[in-house]
C-alpha cells in the first residue's frame, strides 16, 4: 500500500510540474520567469509536493478575506489588510504564499490596486516573519522588479531584511545608496537585519545623506536595528553582538541629532530612546555644545525612560 501511495504521489507531482513548466506563470507581484532556473525548479517541486501533502494550507491562503471590501469595510479602521490572517496560518502557509506571489496569482476580480497591493504586501510581511531561506529568490525578484508599486517593494525589502543572510545583506547594501531608486526601501530592509554590517551602513547613510526623507528613514532603521528590546528577546547568546550593534546605532544617531531638523530630528530622538545603549548619554554629551537646549531635553527623556524601567 505504501509503495502504491508513493507511486501515485510521484505521478501527481510530476503532472503538476509538467503543467506548470509549459510557460512562465504570473504571480501577484512577479513572474516565475524572473527567478533563476535552479530556484524556479526547486520551488516548483516543493510547491507541487506541498499541494499533495497539505492542500488545506493552499485553500486557507486563497480564502483570506481582509483585502476584500465586503469584509474590511466592516472594521473600525476600514482599510484592506491580510497580514494578521496570514501570520496566523503559520509555517504551512509559506509555499502557498510563494506560489501566489510568483507562480500563480489568485483571481483578482474587481479588486482595486490598493486591495491587490494589500494582498501582496500582507503575504510578503507574513513570509518575512517566517524567515525561511526558500523565500529568498522570490523576495529578491520582487524587490528588484521595476513594475511593482512602492508599497510592495518596501514590503519585499523588509522581508529580505528579516531573512538576515549574507546574500540579503549584500543586496540591500548595494541598493542603499544615493541615486538608487530603491534606496529608501533598502534602508528599511537593513533596519530589520539586526546585523553589524547593516548597522554600519545605515550609520554611513545617516551621516552623509542630504535628503531629509532618507535621513528620517535611516534614523528609523537604526532604531529598529539597535532596538534594545529586540536584542534582549534573542537571549544571552546575542548580548555581546547586540551591544556592539546598539553602540554603532547610538553613536550615529547622536552625531546627526543636532544637524537634523523636522521629521528627521524627531525620528532620531525616538530611535535614541529605542536603542538606549549604555553610552547614549555620553554620545549626546559630545555634541551638546552645538545645541544645548535640544540635547539636554533629549538626555532628560533618556534618563526619565531609564528611571521608569527600573521601577
Protein backbone atom coordinates (compact mmCIF):
# COMPACT_ATOMS: atom_id res chain seq x y z
CA UNK A 1 0.00 0.00 0.00
CA UNK A 2 2.81 2.45 0.88
CA UNK A 3 4.52 1.66 -2.43
CA UNK A 4 1.33 2.39 -4.34
CA UNK A 5 0.79 5.61 -2.42
CA UNK A 6 4.34 6.73 -3.21
CA UNK A 7 3.86 5.92 -6.88
CA UNK A 8 0.63 7.89 -7.06
CA UNK A 9 2.23 10.89 -5.36
CA UNK A 10 5.13 10.80 -7.82
CA UNK A 11 2.73 10.72 -10.75
CA UNK A 12 0.65 13.58 -9.35
CA UNK A 13 3.66 15.74 -8.55
CA UNK A 14 5.12 15.04 -11.97
CA UNK A 15 1.86 16.06 -13.60
CA UNK A 16 1.74 19.30 -11.66
CA UNK A 17 5.30 20.12 -12.60
CA UNK A 18 4.88 19.33 -16.27
CA UNK A 19 1.81 21.54 -16.41
CA UNK A 20 3.42 24.47 -14.61
CA UNK A 21 6.60 24.30 -16.68
CA UNK A 22 4.91 24.78 -20.05
CA UNK A 23 5.17 28.56 -19.62
CA UNK A 24 6.26 31.05 -17.01
CA UNK A 25 3.21 31.80 -14.91
CA UNK A 26 2.49 35.18 -13.37
CA UNK A 27 2.12 35.62 -9.65
CA UNK A 28 0.65 38.61 -7.85
CA UNK A 29 3.91 40.54 -7.90
CA UNK A 30 6.29 38.88 -10.33
CA UNK A 31 6.54 36.18 -13.00
CA UNK A 32 8.24 32.89 -12.18
CA UNK A 33 10.45 33.67 -15.16
CA UNK A 34 12.17 36.30 -13.02
CA UNK A 35 13.69 33.51 -10.92
CA UNK A 36 16.83 31.63 -11.85
CA UNK A 37 16.29 28.21 -13.43
CA UNK A 38 17.54 26.39 -10.35
CA UNK A 39 15.45 28.43 -7.91
CA UNK A 40 12.34 28.14 -10.05
CA UNK A 41 12.67 24.38 -10.48
CA UNK A 42 13.31 23.84 -6.78
CA UNK A 43 10.29 25.91 -5.76
CA UNK A 44 8.06 24.31 -8.38
CA UNK A 45 8.95 20.91 -6.97
CA UNK A 46 8.45 22.00 -3.35
CA UNK A 47 5.11 23.63 -4.15
CA UNK A 48 3.85 20.61 -6.07
CA UNK A 49 4.73 18.26 -3.22
CA UNK A 50 3.14 20.58 -0.67
CA UNK A 51 -0.09 20.65 -2.67
CA UNK A 52 -0.27 16.90 -2.28
CA UNK A 53 0.72 16.73 1.38
CA UNK A 54 -1.10 19.79 2.77
CA UNK A 55 -3.79 21.02 0.36
CA UNK A 56 -5.68 22.77 3.19
CA UNK A 57 -2.84 25.29 3.54
CA UNK A 58 -3.29 26.35 -0.09
CA UNK A 59 -7.04 26.68 0.40
CA UNK A 60 -6.50 28.77 3.53
CA UNK A 61 -4.22 31.21 1.72
CA UNK A 62 -6.64 31.51 -1.19
CA UNK A 63 -9.52 32.23 1.18
CA UNK A 64 -8.09 35.15 3.17
CA UNK A 65 -10.64 37.94 3.34
CA UNK A 66 -9.05 41.05 4.82
CA UNK A 67 -8.33 42.69 1.46
CA UNK A 68 -11.87 42.29 0.17
CA UNK A 69 -14.15 45.34 0.55
CA UNK A 70 -17.15 43.34 1.78
CA UNK A 71 -15.03 42.37 4.80
CA UNK A 72 -12.60 45.19 5.64
CA UNK A 73 -15.22 47.93 5.31
CA UNK A 74 -16.93 46.47 8.37
CA UNK A 75 -13.85 47.13 10.52
CA UNK A 76 -13.36 50.10 12.81
CA UNK A 77 -10.41 51.07 10.64
CA UNK A 78 -11.76 50.28 7.17
CA UNK A 79 -8.64 49.60 5.14
CA UNK A 80 -7.52 46.38 3.42
CA UNK A 81 -5.04 44.19 5.30
CA UNK A 82 -4.36 40.46 5.42
CA UNK A 83 -1.16 40.41 7.48
CA UNK A 84 -2.71 39.10 10.69
CA UNK A 85 -4.73 36.44 8.88
CA UNK A 86 -1.70 35.11 7.03
CA UNK A 87 0.63 35.21 10.02
CA UNK A 88 -1.94 33.19 11.91
CA UNK A 89 -1.62 30.38 9.37
CA UNK A 90 1.99 29.78 10.38
CA UNK A 91 4.73 27.92 8.51
CA UNK A 92 2.38 25.77 6.36
CA UNK A 93 1.37 28.96 4.53
CA UNK A 94 4.89 29.65 3.21
CA UNK A 95 4.77 27.70 -0.05
CA UNK A 96 1.16 28.66 -0.84
CA UNK A 97 2.14 32.32 -0.42
CA UNK A 98 5.26 31.96 -2.57
CA UNK A 99 3.15 30.30 -5.24
CA UNK A 100 0.65 33.16 -5.17
CA UNK A 101 3.38 35.81 -5.26
CA UNK A 102 5.45 34.40 -8.13
CA UNK A 103 3.81 31.41 -9.80
CA UNK A 104 0.04 31.51 -9.86
CA UNK A 105 -1.87 34.56 -8.71
CA UNK A 106 -5.39 34.06 -7.36
CA UNK A 107 -8.26 35.53 -9.35
CA UNK A 108 -8.20 39.31 -8.93
CA UNK A 109 -11.79 40.03 -9.92
CA UNK A 110 -12.77 43.61 -9.16
CA UNK A 111 -10.10 44.31 -6.55
CA UNK A 112 -8.63 47.81 -6.73
CA UNK A 113 -4.88 48.46 -6.90
CA UNK A 114 -4.88 49.26 -3.19
CA UNK A 115 -6.65 46.00 -2.33
CA UNK A 116 -4.39 43.97 -4.62
CA UNK A 117 -1.30 45.59 -3.16
CA UNK A 118 -2.59 44.90 0.36
CA UNK A 119 -2.77 41.21 -0.51
CA UNK A 120 0.79 41.21 -1.87
CA UNK A 121 2.20 43.27 1.00
CA UNK A 122 0.45 41.11 3.58
CA UNK A 123 1.91 37.98 2.06
CA UNK A 124 5.39 39.49 1.97
CA UNK A 125 5.14 40.51 5.62
CA UNK A 126 3.98 37.03 6.63
CA UNK A 127 6.72 35.41 4.54
CA UNK A 128 9.32 37.63 6.19
CA UNK A 129 8.15 36.69 9.67
CA UNK A 130 8.76 33.02 8.85
CA UNK A 131 12.45 33.69 7.99
CA UNK A 132 12.63 30.69 5.66
CA UNK A 133 15.53 30.78 3.18
CA UNK A 134 13.35 29.24 0.46
CA UNK A 135 11.64 32.60 0.11
CA UNK A 136 14.88 34.40 -0.81
CA UNK A 137 14.67 34.10 -4.63
CA UNK A 138 11.05 35.30 -4.72
CA UNK A 139 11.73 38.22 -2.38
CA UNK A 140 14.79 39.26 -4.40
CA UNK A 141 12.86 39.10 -7.68
CA UNK A 142 10.05 41.25 -6.29
CA UNK A 143 12.41 43.75 -4.70
CA UNK A 144 14.36 44.19 -7.94
CA UNK A 145 11.30 44.25 -10.18
CA UNK A 146 10.69 47.56 -11.87
CA UNK A 147 6.96 47.01 -12.13
CA UNK A 148 5.78 46.65 -8.52
CA UNK A 149 4.38 49.64 -6.67
CA UNK A 150 6.32 51.25 -3.80
CA UNK A 151 4.29 49.64 -1.01
CA UNK A 152 5.03 46.16 -2.35
CA UNK A 153 8.73 46.77 -2.96
CA UNK A 154 9.11 48.15 0.56
CA UNK A 155 7.43 45.04 1.98
CA UNK A 156 9.79 42.83 -0.04
CA UNK A 157 12.79 44.78 1.28
CA UNK A 158 11.67 44.34 4.88
CA UNK A 159 11.14 40.62 4.31
CA UNK A 160 14.63 40.32 2.83
CA UNK A 161 15.98 42.04 5.92
CA UNK A 162 14.24 39.56 8.18
CA UNK A 163 15.91 36.67 6.36
CA UNK A 164 19.15 38.26 7.56
CA UNK A 165 21.62 36.25 5.47
CA UNK A 166 24.83 37.40 3.82
CA UNK A 167 23.24 37.45 0.35
CA UNK A 168 20.33 39.57 1.57
CA UNK A 169 22.68 41.97 3.38
CA UNK A 170 24.83 42.40 0.26
CA UNK A 171 21.75 43.01 -1.90
CA UNK A 172 20.24 45.62 0.40
CA UNK A 173 23.56 47.40 0.99
CA UNK A 174 24.12 47.59 -2.77
CA UNK A 175 20.83 49.47 -3.17
CA UNK A 176 21.01 51.62 -0.03
CA UNK A 177 22.97 54.37 -1.74
CA UNK A 178 22.33 57.84 -3.12
CA UNK A 179 20.68 57.86 -6.52
CA UNK A 180 19.31 54.32 -6.35
CA UNK A 181 15.56 54.19 -6.95
CA UNK A 182 15.23 51.57 -4.20
CA UNK A 183 17.34 53.44 -1.62
CA UNK A 184 14.53 54.14 0.86
CA UNK A 185 13.24 50.57 0.67
CA UNK A 186 16.71 49.08 1.06
CA UNK A 187 17.29 51.27 4.12
CA UNK A 188 14.10 49.89 5.67
CA UNK A 189 15.25 46.35 4.91
CA UNK A 190 18.63 46.88 6.55
CA UNK A 191 16.88 48.01 9.69
CA UNK A 192 15.26 44.59 10.00
CA UNK A 193 18.55 42.68 9.80
CA UNK A 194 19.97 43.09 13.33
CA UNK A 195 23.46 42.80 11.83
CA UNK A 196 26.60 44.82 12.48
CA UNK A 197 27.40 45.37 8.80
CA UNK A 198 23.85 46.57 8.20
CA UNK A 199 24.02 48.96 11.15
CA UNK A 200 27.35 50.36 9.96
CA UNK A 201 25.96 51.02 6.51
CA UNK A 202 22.89 52.71 7.94
CA UNK A 203 25.16 54.88 10.07
CA UNK A 204 27.05 55.91 6.95
CA UNK A 205 23.82 56.71 5.12
CA UNK A 206 22.58 58.86 8.00
CA UNK A 207 25.91 60.68 8.29
CA UNK A 208 26.20 61.53 4.59
CA UNK A 209 22.72 61.99 3.17
CA UNK A 210 21.39 65.43 2.33
CA UNK A 211 17.88 64.13 1.69
CA UNK A 212 15.58 64.67 4.70
CA UNK A 213 13.42 61.67 3.73
CA UNK A 214 16.45 59.38 3.59
CA UNK A 215 17.71 60.76 6.90
CA UNK A 216 14.35 60.05 8.51
CA UNK A 217 14.27 56.52 7.07
CA UNK A 218 17.86 55.80 8.13
CA UNK A 219 17.20 57.09 11.65
CA UNK A 220 14.12 54.90 11.98
CA UNK A 221 16.01 51.90 10.60
CA UNK A 222 18.84 52.42 13.10
CA UNK A 223 16.25 52.34 15.86
CA UNK A 224 14.92 49.05 14.55
CA UNK A 225 18.37 47.53 14.06
CA UNK A 226 19.54 48.61 17.50
CA UNK A 227 16.34 48.08 19.46
CA UNK A 228 17.25 47.09 23.00
CA UNK A 229 14.00 45.13 23.26
CA UNK A 230 14.68 43.19 20.06
CA UNK A 231 18.18 42.24 21.15
CA UNK A 232 17.03 41.17 24.62
CA UNK A 233 14.45 38.90 23.00
CA UNK A 234 17.29 37.00 21.30
CA UNK A 235 18.65 35.84 24.65
CA UNK A 236 22.04 35.91 26.41
CA UNK A 237 23.98 34.45 23.47
CA UNK A 238 23.24 37.56 21.42
CA UNK A 239 24.11 40.03 24.17
CA UNK A 240 27.67 40.85 23.05
CA UNK A 241 26.72 41.31 19.40
CA UNK A 242 23.68 43.30 20.44
CA UNK A 243 25.75 45.74 22.48
CA UNK A 244 28.12 46.25 19.54
CA UNK A 245 25.29 46.89 17.09
CA UNK A 246 23.45 49.16 19.51
CA UNK A 247 26.64 51.16 20.11
CA UNK A 248 27.03 51.80 16.37
CA UNK A 249 23.38 52.86 16.17
CA UNK A 250 23.51 55.11 19.25
CA UNK A 251 26.68 56.87 18.13
CA UNK A 252 25.33 57.51 14.62
CA UNK A 253 22.05 58.87 15.95
CA UNK A 254 23.74 61.20 18.44
CA UNK A 255 26.17 62.50 15.81
CA UNK A 256 23.36 63.52 13.44
CA UNK A 257 20.82 64.73 16.01
CA UNK A 258 21.91 68.36 16.22
CA UNK A 259 22.31 68.79 12.46
CA UNK A 260 18.83 67.44 11.72
CA UNK A 261 15.51 69.21 11.66
CA UNK A 262 11.83 68.38 11.40
CA UNK A 263 10.80 64.76 10.91
CA UNK A 264 14.39 63.56 10.71
CA UNK A 265 15.23 65.00 14.16
CA UNK A 266 12.03 63.53 15.61
CA UNK A 267 12.90 60.10 14.16
CA UNK A 268 16.43 60.33 15.57
CA UNK A 269 15.15 61.20 19.04
CA UNK A 270 12.68 58.33 19.04
CA UNK A 271 15.35 55.89 17.87
CA UNK A 272 17.76 57.09 20.56
CA UNK A 273 15.18 56.03 23.13
CA UNK A 274 14.56 52.69 21.41
CA UNK A 275 18.26 51.81 21.22
CA UNK A 276 19.15 53.10 24.72
CA UNK A 277 22.77 51.94 24.68
CA UNK A 278 24.69 52.40 27.96
CA UNK A 279 26.84 55.09 26.26
CA UNK A 280 23.89 57.03 24.81
CA UNK A 281 24.18 59.95 27.24
CA UNK A 282 27.95 60.12 26.70
CA UNK A 283 27.46 60.25 22.92
CA UNK A 284 24.91 63.05 23.26
CA UNK A 285 27.16 64.97 25.65
CA UNK A 286 29.83 65.05 22.93
CA UNK A 287 27.55 67.15 20.68
CA UNK A 288 25.96 69.22 23.47
CA UNK A 289 27.84 72.44 22.65
CA UNK A 290 26.17 72.57 19.23
CA UNK A 291 22.63 72.80 20.65
CA UNK A 292 22.50 72.61 24.43
CA UNK A 293 18.74 73.06 24.76
CA UNK A 294 17.83 70.26 22.35
CA UNK A 295 20.49 67.87 23.61
CA UNK A 296 19.65 68.44 27.26
CA UNK A 297 15.97 67.83 26.52
CA UNK A 298 16.78 64.52 24.83
CA UNK A 299 19.13 63.45 27.63
CA UNK A 300 16.34 64.18 30.10
CA UNK A 301 13.99 61.94 28.12
CA UNK A 302 16.57 59.14 28.15
CA UNK A 303 17.02 59.44 31.92
CA UNK A 304 13.27 59.52 32.58
CA UNK A 305 12.81 56.39 30.50
CA UNK A 306 15.55 54.60 32.41
CA UNK A 307 14.01 55.53 35.75
CA UNK A 308 10.62 54.19 34.68
CA UNK A 309 12.18 50.91 33.50
CA UNK A 310 13.82 50.31 36.92
CA UNK A 311 10.66 50.77 38.96
